[in-house]
Structures are given as C-alpha cells and as structure tokens.
Protein backbone atom coordinates (compact mmCIF):
# COMPACT_ATOMS: atom_id res chain seq x y z
CA MET A 1 0.00 0.00 0.00
CA ASN A 2 2.79 2.40 0.87
CA GLY A 3 4.21 2.23 -2.64
CA LEU A 4 0.90 3.18 -4.26
CA LEU A 5 0.26 5.90 -1.67
CA GLU A 6 3.66 7.38 -2.38
CA LYS A 7 2.95 7.35 -6.12
CA ILE A 8 -0.40 9.09 -5.56
CA GLU A 9 1.01 11.71 -3.21
CA SER A 10 3.97 12.45 -5.48
CA LYS A 11 1.72 12.54 -8.60
CA GLN A 12 3.81 9.74 -10.13
CA ALA A 13 0.79 7.43 -10.43
CA VAL A 14 -0.70 6.85 -13.88
CA ILE A 15 -4.48 6.99 -13.71
CA GLY A 16 -6.95 5.40 -16.10
CA VAL A 17 -10.59 6.37 -16.68
CA VAL A 18 -12.86 3.85 -18.40
CA GLY A 19 -15.73 5.57 -20.18
CA LEU A 20 -15.31 9.10 -21.52
CA GLY A 21 -18.87 10.32 -21.21
CA TYR A 22 -20.42 13.05 -19.09
CA VAL A 23 -18.85 11.57 -15.93
CA GLY A 24 -15.60 10.11 -17.18
CA LEU A 25 -14.24 12.93 -19.33
CA PRO A 26 -14.58 15.68 -16.67
CA LEU A 27 -12.96 13.31 -14.15
CA ALA A 28 -10.09 12.52 -16.53
CA VAL A 29 -9.56 16.24 -17.17
CA GLU A 30 -9.45 17.09 -13.45
CA LYS A 31 -6.96 14.31 -12.76
CA ALA A 32 -4.74 15.49 -15.60
CA LYS A 33 -4.99 19.11 -14.40
CA ALA A 34 -3.92 17.92 -10.95
CA GLY A 35 -0.64 16.72 -12.44
CA TYR A 36 -1.25 13.03 -13.12
CA LYS A 37 -0.65 11.29 -16.40
CA VAL A 38 -4.10 10.09 -17.42
CA ILE A 39 -5.19 7.51 -19.98
CA GLY A 40 -8.84 7.59 -21.02
CA PHE A 41 -10.46 4.42 -22.36
CA ASP A 42 -13.59 4.22 -24.48
CA VAL A 43 -15.10 1.76 -26.94
CA GLN A 44 -16.15 4.57 -29.29
CA GLN A 45 -13.34 5.46 -31.68
CA LYS A 46 -15.07 8.77 -32.48
CA ARG A 47 -14.90 9.88 -28.85
CA VAL A 48 -11.27 8.83 -28.54
CA ASP A 49 -10.33 10.74 -31.70
CA MET A 50 -12.13 13.86 -30.49
CA VAL A 51 -10.34 13.80 -27.14
CA ASN A 52 -6.96 13.27 -28.75
CA ASP A 53 -7.69 16.18 -31.11
CA GLY A 54 -8.60 18.37 -28.14
CA VAL A 55 -12.23 18.60 -29.30
CA ASN A 56 -14.63 18.86 -26.36
CA TYR A 57 -18.12 17.31 -26.42
CA ILE A 58 -19.08 17.61 -22.73
CA GLY A 59 -20.60 20.81 -21.34
CA ASP A 60 -18.86 20.56 -17.96
CA VAL A 61 -15.39 20.51 -19.56
CA VAL A 62 -13.64 23.78 -20.47
CA ASP A 63 -12.47 23.64 -24.09
CA ASP A 64 -9.13 25.39 -23.50
CA GLU A 65 -8.31 23.17 -20.51
CA LEU A 66 -8.86 20.03 -22.58
CA LYS A 67 -6.67 21.37 -25.40
CA GLN A 68 -3.91 22.29 -22.96
CA ILE A 69 -3.66 18.88 -21.25
CA ILE A 70 -3.75 17.15 -24.62
CA ARG A 71 -0.90 19.36 -25.88
CA THR A 72 1.21 18.64 -22.80
CA GLY A 73 0.53 14.90 -22.99
CA GLN A 74 -1.12 14.77 -19.55
CA LEU A 75 -4.19 13.13 -21.11
CA THR A 76 -4.42 10.65 -23.93
CA ALA A 77 -7.37 8.54 -25.04
CA THR A 78 -7.45 5.08 -26.55
CA VAL A 79 -9.66 2.14 -27.48
CA ASP A 80 -6.78 -0.21 -26.63
CA TYR A 81 -7.62 -1.69 -23.23
CA SER A 82 -4.24 -3.44 -23.03
CA ARG A 83 -2.87 -0.08 -21.92
CA ILE A 84 -4.57 -0.67 -18.56
CA GLN A 85 -1.37 -2.51 -17.66
CA GLU A 86 0.29 0.94 -17.61
CA VAL A 87 -2.00 2.42 -14.94
CA ASP A 88 -1.73 2.39 -11.15
CA ALA A 89 -5.38 3.32 -10.56
CA VAL A 90 -8.47 3.14 -12.76
CA ALA A 91 -11.97 4.58 -12.39
CA ILE A 92 -14.93 2.92 -14.12
CA CYS A 93 -17.44 5.48 -15.40
CA VAL A 94 -19.70 3.48 -17.72
CA PRO A 95 -23.51 3.50 -18.16
CA THR A 96 -25.74 1.42 -15.88
CA PRO A 97 -29.12 1.54 -17.66
CA LEU A 98 -32.34 -0.30 -16.95
CA ASP A 99 -33.48 -3.06 -19.29
CA LYS A 100 -36.99 -3.31 -20.73
CA TYR A 101 -38.17 -4.97 -17.51
CA GLN A 102 -36.94 -2.00 -15.42
CA GLN A 103 -34.13 -4.13 -13.98
CA PRO A 104 -30.49 -2.95 -13.64
CA ASP A 105 -28.28 -3.79 -16.59
CA THR A 106 -24.69 -4.22 -15.35
CA THR A 107 -23.41 -5.35 -18.75
CA TYR A 108 -21.08 -2.35 -19.17
CA VAL A 109 -19.68 -2.68 -15.65
CA GLU A 110 -19.04 -6.39 -16.17
CA ALA A 111 -17.40 -5.81 -19.57
CA SER A 112 -15.15 -3.12 -18.08
CA GLY A 113 -14.26 -5.41 -15.17
CA LYS A 114 -13.28 -8.22 -17.53
CA GLU A 115 -11.07 -5.90 -19.59
CA ILE A 116 -9.38 -4.58 -16.44
CA ALA A 117 -8.95 -8.13 -15.08
CA LYS A 118 -6.87 -9.07 -18.13
CA TYR A 119 -4.26 -6.51 -17.09
CA LEU A 120 -4.83 -6.26 -13.32
CA HIS A 121 -1.53 -6.17 -11.46
CA PRO A 122 -0.47 -6.05 -7.80
CA ASN A 123 -0.78 -2.75 -5.94
CA MET A 124 -3.42 -1.42 -8.33
CA LEU A 125 -6.56 0.54 -7.38
CA VAL A 126 -9.93 0.04 -9.09
CA VAL A 127 -12.82 2.41 -8.32
CA LEU A 128 -16.36 2.03 -9.63
CA GLU A 129 -18.17 5.36 -10.10
CA SER A 130 -21.24 4.25 -12.08
CA THR A 131 -24.53 4.62 -10.22
CA THR A 132 -25.88 1.21 -9.33
CA TYR A 133 -27.64 -0.88 -6.69
CA PRO A 134 -26.07 -1.65 -3.28
CA GLY A 135 -23.83 -4.69 -3.59
CA THR A 136 -22.64 -4.26 -7.18
CA THR A 137 -18.99 -3.56 -6.32
CA GLU A 138 -18.62 -6.64 -4.12
CA GLU A 139 -21.09 -8.99 -5.81
CA VAL A 140 -20.42 -8.22 -9.48
CA LEU A 141 -17.07 -6.48 -9.90
CA GLN A 142 -14.97 -8.07 -7.13
CA PRO A 143 -15.46 -11.71 -8.28
CA ILE A 144 -14.47 -10.75 -11.84
CA LEU A 145 -11.25 -9.13 -10.64
CA GLU A 146 -10.42 -11.92 -8.17
CA GLU A 147 -10.67 -14.55 -10.91
CA THR A 148 -7.12 -13.43 -11.70
CA GLY A 149 -5.95 -14.99 -8.44
CA LEU A 150 -5.21 -11.60 -6.93
CA LYS A 151 -7.06 -10.85 -3.69
CA VAL A 152 -8.74 -7.55 -2.86
CA GLY A 153 -7.26 -5.70 0.10
CA LYS A 154 -4.09 -7.77 -0.14
CA ASP A 155 -2.91 -7.66 -3.76
CA PHE A 156 -5.08 -4.88 -5.17
CA TYR A 157 -7.55 -2.27 -3.93
CA LEU A 158 -11.24 -1.90 -4.79
CA ALA A 159 -13.66 0.87 -3.84
CA TYR A 160 -16.89 2.57 -4.84
CA SER A 161 -17.24 6.34 -5.17
CA PRO A 162 -20.49 7.59 -6.74
CA GLU A 163 -20.40 10.24 -9.41
CA ARG A 164 -22.22 13.44 -8.51
CA VAL A 165 -22.29 15.22 -11.84
CA ASP A 166 -25.08 17.76 -12.30
CA PRO A 167 -25.02 18.88 -15.96
CA GLY A 168 -25.44 22.60 -16.37
CA ASN A 169 -24.78 23.44 -12.72
CA LYS A 170 -22.81 26.70 -12.69
CA THR A 171 -21.79 26.41 -9.02
CA PHE A 172 -20.86 22.78 -8.41
CA ASN A 173 -18.81 20.64 -10.77
CA THR A 174 -16.57 17.58 -10.63
CA LYS A 175 -13.75 19.48 -8.91
CA ASN A 176 -15.59 21.15 -6.03
CA THR A 177 -18.41 18.70 -5.28
CA PRO A 178 -17.76 16.62 -2.12
CA LYS A 179 -16.93 12.96 -2.78
CA VAL A 180 -18.04 9.83 -0.92
CA VAL A 181 -15.69 6.82 -0.90
CA GLY A 182 -16.26 3.32 0.44
CA GLY A 183 -13.64 0.58 0.03
CA VAL A 184 -13.93 -3.19 0.39
CA SER A 185 -11.33 -2.94 3.19
CA PRO A 186 -9.96 -0.03 5.25
CA ALA A 187 -6.82 -0.03 3.12
CA CYS A 188 -8.96 0.21 -0.04
CA THR A 189 -10.81 3.19 1.38
CA LYS A 190 -7.59 4.91 2.42
CA ILE A 191 -5.98 4.54 -1.01
CA ALA A 192 -9.07 5.64 -2.95
CA ALA A 193 -9.68 8.62 -0.66
CA ALA A 194 -6.05 9.71 -1.03
CA MET A 195 -6.39 9.71 -4.80
CA TYR A 196 -9.52 11.87 -4.77
CA ARG A 197 -8.09 14.26 -2.17
CA SER A 198 -5.10 14.83 -4.41
CA VAL A 199 -7.38 15.86 -7.30
CA LEU A 200 -10.52 17.50 -5.94
CA GLU A 201 -11.22 20.64 -3.93
CA GLY A 202 -14.38 19.21 -2.36
CA ASP A 203 -14.30 17.23 0.87
CA VAL A 204 -13.80 13.45 0.65
CA HIS A 205 -16.11 11.61 3.04
CA GLU A 206 -15.08 8.05 3.89
CA VAL A 207 -17.72 5.41 4.66
CA SER A 208 -17.39 1.87 5.95
CA SER A 209 -18.14 -0.10 2.80
CA PRO A 210 -19.00 0.10 -0.90
CA LYS A 211 -22.61 -0.79 -0.05
CA VAL A 212 -22.97 2.32 2.09
CA ALA A 213 -21.57 4.49 -0.72
CA GLU A 214 -23.80 2.80 -3.29
CA MET A 215 -26.89 3.26 -1.12
CA GLU A 216 -25.94 6.87 -0.42
CA LYS A 217 -26.13 7.72 -4.12
CA ILE A 218 -29.47 5.97 -4.49
CA LEU A 219 -30.79 7.89 -1.48
CA GLU A 220 -29.74 11.23 -3.02
CA ASN A 221 -31.70 10.67 -6.20
CA THR A 222 -34.62 8.85 -4.60
CA PHE A 223 -35.02 11.84 -2.27
CA ARG A 224 -35.29 14.11 -5.30
CA ASN A 225 -37.56 11.71 -7.17
CA ILE A 226 -40.04 11.50 -4.30
CA ASN A 227 -40.09 15.23 -3.61
CA ILE A 228 -40.55 16.06 -7.28
CA GLY A 229 -43.35 13.48 -7.29
CA LEU A 230 -44.98 15.38 -4.42
CA ALA A 231 -44.63 18.68 -6.32
CA ASN A 232 -46.17 17.09 -9.41
CA GLU A 233 -49.09 15.66 -7.46
CA MET A 234 -49.64 19.08 -5.87
CA ALA A 235 -49.64 20.59 -9.38
CA ILE A 236 -52.40 18.22 -10.46
CA LEU A 237 -54.46 18.95 -7.35
CA CYS A 238 -53.89 22.72 -7.46
CA ASN A 239 -55.01 22.77 -11.09
CA LYS A 240 -58.30 21.13 -10.08
CA MET A 241 -58.71 23.59 -7.20
CA GLY A 242 -57.80 26.70 -9.18
CA ILE A 243 -54.74 27.45 -7.04
CA ASP A 244 -51.38 28.70 -8.38
CA LEU A 245 -48.91 26.10 -7.08
CA TRP A 246 -45.90 28.25 -8.00
CA GLU A 247 -47.18 30.97 -5.69
CA VAL A 248 -47.76 28.35 -3.01
CA ILE A 249 -44.15 27.17 -3.28
CA GLU A 250 -42.81 30.73 -3.10
CA ALA A 251 -44.82 31.25 0.08
CA ALA A 252 -43.61 27.98 1.60
CA LYS A 253 -39.99 28.95 0.85
CA THR A 254 -40.23 31.83 3.31
CA LYS A 255 -40.01 29.32 6.17
CA PRO A 256 -36.32 29.21 7.17
CA TYR A 257 -36.41 25.58 8.30
CA GLY A 258 -38.27 22.35 7.60
CA PHE A 259 -38.99 23.05 3.93
CA MET A 260 -36.97 22.59 0.75
CA ALA A 261 -38.45 23.78 -2.52
CA PHE A 262 -39.03 21.25 -5.30
CA TYR A 263 -40.86 22.19 -8.46
CA PRO A 264 -43.28 20.41 -10.77
CA GLY A 265 -42.60 19.85 -14.44
CA PRO A 266 -43.61 17.83 -17.50
CA GLY A 267 -41.89 14.75 -16.06
CA LEU A 268 -38.44 13.58 -15.03
CA GLY A 269 -35.41 13.32 -17.28
CA GLY A 270 -31.70 12.58 -17.28
CA HIS A 271 -29.82 9.41 -16.49
CA CYS A 272 -30.16 9.58 -12.71
CA ILE A 273 -33.40 10.70 -11.08
CA PRO A 274 -35.90 8.74 -13.23
CA ILE A 275 -33.77 5.59 -13.17
CA ASP A 276 -31.81 5.24 -9.92
CA PRO A 277 -34.78 4.49 -7.63
CA PHE A 278 -35.57 1.43 -9.76
CA TYR A 279 -32.18 -0.03 -8.81
CA LEU A 280 -33.35 0.00 -5.22
CA THR A 281 -36.85 -1.34 -5.86
CA TRP A 282 -35.28 -4.21 -7.80
CA LYS A 283 -32.76 -5.00 -5.06
CA ALA A 284 -35.43 -4.75 -2.36
CA ARG A 285 -37.23 -7.77 -3.82
CA GLU A 286 -34.27 -9.90 -2.75
CA TYR A 287 -35.25 -9.01 0.81
CA ASN A 288 -38.98 -9.53 0.20
CA TYR A 289 -39.67 -5.81 0.62
CA HIS A 290 -41.90 -3.66 -1.56
CA THR A 291 -40.74 -0.02 -1.86
CA ARG A 292 -44.22 1.49 -2.01
CA LEU A 293 -43.43 5.19 -1.60
CA ILE A 294 -40.67 5.11 -4.22
CA GLU A 295 -42.86 3.33 -6.75
CA VAL A 296 -45.85 5.63 -6.22
CA ALA A 297 -43.62 8.67 -6.76
CA GLY A 298 -42.35 7.06 -9.95
CA GLU A 299 -45.90 6.47 -11.17
CA ILE A 300 -46.84 10.12 -10.57
CA ASN A 301 -43.75 11.42 -12.35
CA ASN A 302 -44.20 9.03 -15.26
CA GLU A 303 -47.79 10.20 -15.68
CA MET A 304 -46.88 13.89 -16.06
CA PRO A 305 -46.41 13.83 -19.88
CA ASN A 306 -49.98 12.52 -20.17
CA PHE A 307 -51.20 15.26 -17.83
CA VAL A 308 -49.38 17.91 -19.88
CA VAL A 309 -50.85 16.72 -23.17
CA ASP A 310 -54.32 16.48 -21.62
CA ARG A 311 -54.03 20.08 -20.39
CA THR A 312 -52.79 21.09 -23.87
CA MET A 313 -55.89 19.55 -25.37
CA LYS A 314 -58.19 21.41 -22.95
CA ILE A 315 -56.51 24.76 -23.66
CA LEU A 316 -56.99 24.26 -27.39
CA ASN A 317 -60.64 23.38 -26.77
CA ARG A 318 -61.15 26.91 -25.44
CA TYR A 319 -60.61 28.07 -29.01
CA GLN A 320 -62.78 25.33 -30.51
CA LYS A 321 -59.64 23.61 -31.76
CA SER A 322 -58.83 19.94 -31.65
CA LEU A 323 -55.37 18.73 -30.74
CA SER A 324 -55.57 16.69 -33.92
CA GLY A 325 -54.35 19.01 -36.66
CA ALA A 326 -53.44 21.83 -34.27
CA ASN A 327 -50.13 23.65 -34.69
CA VAL A 328 -48.21 23.10 -31.46
CA LEU A 329 -44.78 24.67 -31.00
CA VAL A 330 -42.83 22.73 -28.35
CA LEU A 331 -40.08 24.80 -26.73
CA GLY A 332 -37.39 22.52 -25.31
CA VAL A 333 -36.21 18.98 -25.95
CA ALA A 334 -33.46 18.70 -23.29
CA TYR A 335 -34.52 17.36 -19.90
CA LYS A 336 -33.34 20.51 -18.09
CA LYS A 337 -32.42 24.09 -18.94
CA ASP A 338 -29.30 25.16 -20.80
CA ILE A 339 -27.92 21.70 -21.61
CA ASP A 340 -27.94 19.49 -24.71
CA ASP A 341 -28.79 16.24 -22.91
CA TYR A 342 -32.15 14.68 -23.80
CA ARG A 343 -31.68 11.27 -22.17
CA GLU A 344 -34.95 10.16 -20.58
CA SER A 345 -36.39 13.61 -21.32
CA PRO A 346 -40.15 13.72 -20.67
CA VAL A 347 -40.43 15.55 -23.99
CA MET A 348 -39.82 12.22 -25.72
CA GLU A 349 -43.09 10.87 -24.30
CA ILE A 350 -44.88 14.15 -25.08
CA ILE A 351 -43.73 13.82 -28.71
CA LYS A 352 -45.17 10.32 -28.92
CA LEU A 353 -48.49 11.52 -27.50
CA LEU A 354 -48.68 14.48 -29.88
CA GLU A 355 -48.02 12.12 -32.77
CA ASN A 356 -50.74 9.77 -31.56
CA TYR A 357 -53.18 12.70 -31.58
CA GLN A 358 -51.95 13.65 -35.07
CA SER A 359 -51.07 17.20 -34.13
CA ASN A 360 -48.84 19.34 -36.31
CA PHE A 361 -46.01 20.03 -33.90
CA GLU A 362 -42.58 21.53 -34.30
CA LEU A 363 -39.69 21.37 -31.83
CA VAL A 364 -37.39 24.20 -30.77
CA ASP A 365 -34.18 23.73 -28.78
CA PRO A 366 -31.14 26.00 -29.19
CA HIS A 367 -28.87 23.28 -27.76
CA ILE A 368 -30.11 20.33 -29.85
CA SER A 369 -30.29 20.42 -33.66
CA SER A 370 -31.53 16.86 -34.14
CA PHE A 371 -32.10 13.65 -32.21
CA ARG A 372 -33.30 10.11 -32.70
CA LEU A 373 -36.39 8.62 -31.08
CA ASP A 374 -37.58 5.07 -31.73
CA GLY A 375 -35.48 4.92 -34.90
CA LYS A 376 -36.82 8.20 -36.31
CA VAL A 377 -34.75 11.37 -36.65
CA TYR A 378 -36.34 14.64 -35.51
CA GLU A 379 -35.02 18.06 -36.48
CA THR A 380 -35.51 21.18 -34.38
CA VAL A 381 -36.38 24.58 -35.86
CA GLU A 382 -35.33 28.12 -35.00
CA LEU A 383 -37.60 30.12 -32.71
CA THR A 384 -38.89 33.02 -34.80
CA GLU A 385 -41.75 35.48 -34.59
CA GLU A 386 -43.31 33.76 -37.58
CA LYS A 387 -43.24 30.36 -35.86
CA LEU A 388 -44.85 31.85 -32.75
CA LYS A 389 -47.61 33.46 -34.81
CA GLU A 390 -48.29 30.24 -36.71
CA ALA A 391 -48.72 28.21 -33.52
CA ASP A 392 -52.16 27.56 -32.09
CA LEU A 393 -50.38 26.86 -28.82
CA VAL A 394 -46.83 27.28 -27.54
CA LEU A 395 -45.89 24.52 -25.09
CA ILE A 396 -42.87 25.38 -22.91
CA THR A 397 -41.27 22.14 -21.76
CA THR A 398 -37.71 23.33 -21.02
CA ASP A 399 -36.94 26.79 -19.67
CA HIS A 400 -33.76 27.51 -21.64
CA THR A 401 -32.21 30.90 -20.88
CA ALA A 402 -31.72 31.51 -24.61
CA PHE A 403 -35.46 31.76 -25.26
CA ASP A 404 -36.80 35.31 -25.64
CA TYR A 405 -39.70 35.03 -23.20
CA GLN A 406 -40.85 38.60 -23.78
CA GLN A 407 -41.22 37.84 -27.49
CA ILE A 408 -43.01 34.59 -26.66
CA ALA A 409 -45.41 36.42 -24.35
CA ASP A 410 -46.08 39.23 -26.87
CA THR A 411 -46.46 37.13 -30.01
CA SER A 412 -48.11 33.82 -29.10
CA ALA A 413 -51.86 33.22 -29.20
CA ALA A 414 -51.84 30.72 -26.31
CA ILE A 415 -49.11 29.43 -24.01
CA PHE A 416 -48.94 26.44 -21.71
CA ASP A 417 -45.91 26.92 -19.47
CA THR A 418 -44.82 23.75 -17.63
CA ARG A 419 -41.75 25.42 -16.10
CA ASN A 420 -43.06 28.78 -14.87
CA ALA A 421 -40.62 30.28 -17.39
CA LEU A 422 -42.70 33.47 -17.82
CA LYS A 423 -42.80 34.26 -14.10
CA ASP A 424 -40.95 37.55 -14.57
CA ILE A 425 -42.90 38.69 -17.63
CA LYS A 426 -45.62 41.25 -16.98
CA ASN A 427 -48.65 42.01 -19.16
CA ILE A 428 -48.64 38.72 -21.05
CA LYS A 429 -50.78 39.29 -24.14
CA ALA A 430 -51.34 35.61 -24.91
CA TYR A 431 -53.85 33.33 -23.25
CA TYR A 432 -51.58 31.87 -20.58
CA GLU A 433 -51.71 28.84 -18.33
CA LYS A 434 -48.95 27.29 -16.25
CA LEU A 435 -48.60 23.85 -14.74
C-alpha cells in the first residue's frame, strides 16, 4: 500500500478512466490538471479521436483546458484496453441503464471489469463510479477481478465512489463537489480517498463499505424523485382547485427551516433521477420488501407527460380547436435548462403523444439540432416570430435561458408553461396557463 500511496502523493501514479462520457471525461480532465498522467479508455473510436484532437463534447469541460492537457501529454485517449497494464489506478465510469423490464443492466460494468482483469496487477486501485444498486462492487465487480488470483485488500484495492455530476450546474462541478468513498477494506478506502483528495477541492467523506456508498447515491436521487413526485401531485391537485402552485411554493420557501423547494414539471429526465430508484426497488425484492413510496412517486412522475398533453388539449378546446391538426410549437427537448442532454427527457413521451393525436407540432431547442427517437430522426427549428404566430399553442417544456420570453409572451396566441418560465414577464398578451 505504501508504494501506491507514495505514487499518488507524489503525482507519479498513472491513472486510467474507463468511459469518456459526461462523468468520465470531466474526471479525466481534473486528474490530468492535478498533475497526473491520465489515460482515457472508451469503446467509441469517435470519442477517442475527439479527445486526442482536443475537441470537447461535454458541457462541464472547459475547451481550453482540454486542449492544454492534450498538448502537454497529460491526457491521452485510446480504445486499446491493453494499456490498462500501464496504470496504477483506474476509475470505471460506464452506463448502468435499466433493461426493458426495469431491472439494472450491469453489462457495461461487467465488460469493463473483464477488460481490467486481463491486465490487473499487484498494488493497483480500481474504483467504480457508475450509479448502481447496493452490492454491485462486491457482488459483481470483485469476483471478476479476483478470478485473476489476486485478492482484494491484499494484492489490489477496490472501492466505490459515486459520481455526482449535475449537468449545467454553474456552481458545483466535478472538482468542487464533495466525494463519498467506500472501500472493500480499510486499506482500499484509504488509497481511494487519497487519490480523490489529491485531485478534488471538495471534501472526501469516507464510509465503511461500498454498499454504504452505493446506497448513499441511491438515497440522493430517490429523495429528489419522491419530492418532485410530491410537487407534481400538488400541481395536479392545485389545477383542479384553481390554485397557483408556483405561488404556493414561493410562500412555503419563506419558512427558514423544515422546507426545501421542489418544483413540478412535464416529467423527469436525465440518467439519474428517473432511473436510480428502480435499482433500489429491484434490489429490495431480494429481501422480500416492496418499496411502495418510491414506486408511487415514480408512477406520478411518469404520468406527467400525459397530464401535460391532456391540459394542452383542454386549452386548445377553449378556441374550438382539436389537438388533432393543431399547430403546437414545443419549446425545449433537453430534460433541463441550458444543456444538450435529452436522455430520458419527458419531452420524448410528449412527442409520442402528440403524434398519436396527429397534431402538427414543431420542436425548438437552441442546444439540440436533431435527435433520434424510436429509430426516427427529428429536427428542431429556429424560434422566430413567424413560428410563434403560426402556432395555435406554444408549449414550454424546457426553460432555456436563450429563449426570448418577452417575445413569446407578446407574439403567441396561447401558451402552456410547464416550467413557470414566464414568471418575470408582466402584461402577457397571450392566453396563458402554467402547470
């Protein structure tokens, strides 16, 4: 252990990052900026080529910083996993999706583990960062690595440290967000924590096991899922009662304790919040426990696209218009404001519903020019005064800063605002409803 600790503390360690996506690339960049030689691994040749050319494709990475560490040779990318034999520590940052039965798919973690196992050597650290169910590190990854004959805690070190990336967050990023680390043994925790402390500005919080760290990440996102579910249910009820929920939330926020504001929306999106709680509900079955609250919150959130389209239909009915054949201008494809990420975006389900009702809809998103849904390619259009005038209804599904909300308010005939995006606009000329 002392040899690896010395390498980490002296910045002589070579660090690998498997998976150069929205988690892996920012982590690789921060490690290279901290003075380590970093090798990034990915199965996509296109990604590898872009990194090696200094071309950034992740919003949380600064273009000039990537170019600089590529020029100096601090970071290189490759599809050649045999180069894992060169590294002293490696972080696994690969997807952990759900399959069609809403069960965790650990295929990418297992594949990464098998590639690392081929080149695993004594005194090496392996850290899993992918969000997953409690037990994955020790039940899935550890056996794969120990098939080499090397033993965890004795010959090599294994830990779990959940990623906490929040795309588009202007305050917290990979470098300054506190990190949680749980190793299979105390020595594993110590080594992994030392590596992160040498790279990050945020605090590194050590826990007793990988399971605690894995559960901690699930708790974070389940907490948000449930509270957003409550906000969405309140939105449905307040609509029936003729109460402005957004005003209710602003009033509740004046209490300095015991309340944290969560907001309704057209549904949940992104890789984490809509998906992570299902890891826990799946694992809970092993213990004959039914996670009722989590599943009910998921049902409410999953129903929001239907609620939004139903409200859209009722607004159009005020003008004796049917949703079928109506011109609907949908503002926003990304799952949250000011990013280009549309994974699990509720807008995908809204699109399907609008197509089922045979509406004439167009999509606007300044951060996304095109995307694929169920094998079909959709193009977005530019937001213009002409488009606003042509629309029977403008549906705001993502509150991007780039949208000219004054123009939207002045030009549109009718607006359904699912994000309270027009909250600061006075004297709205259009017929206006919000979620």
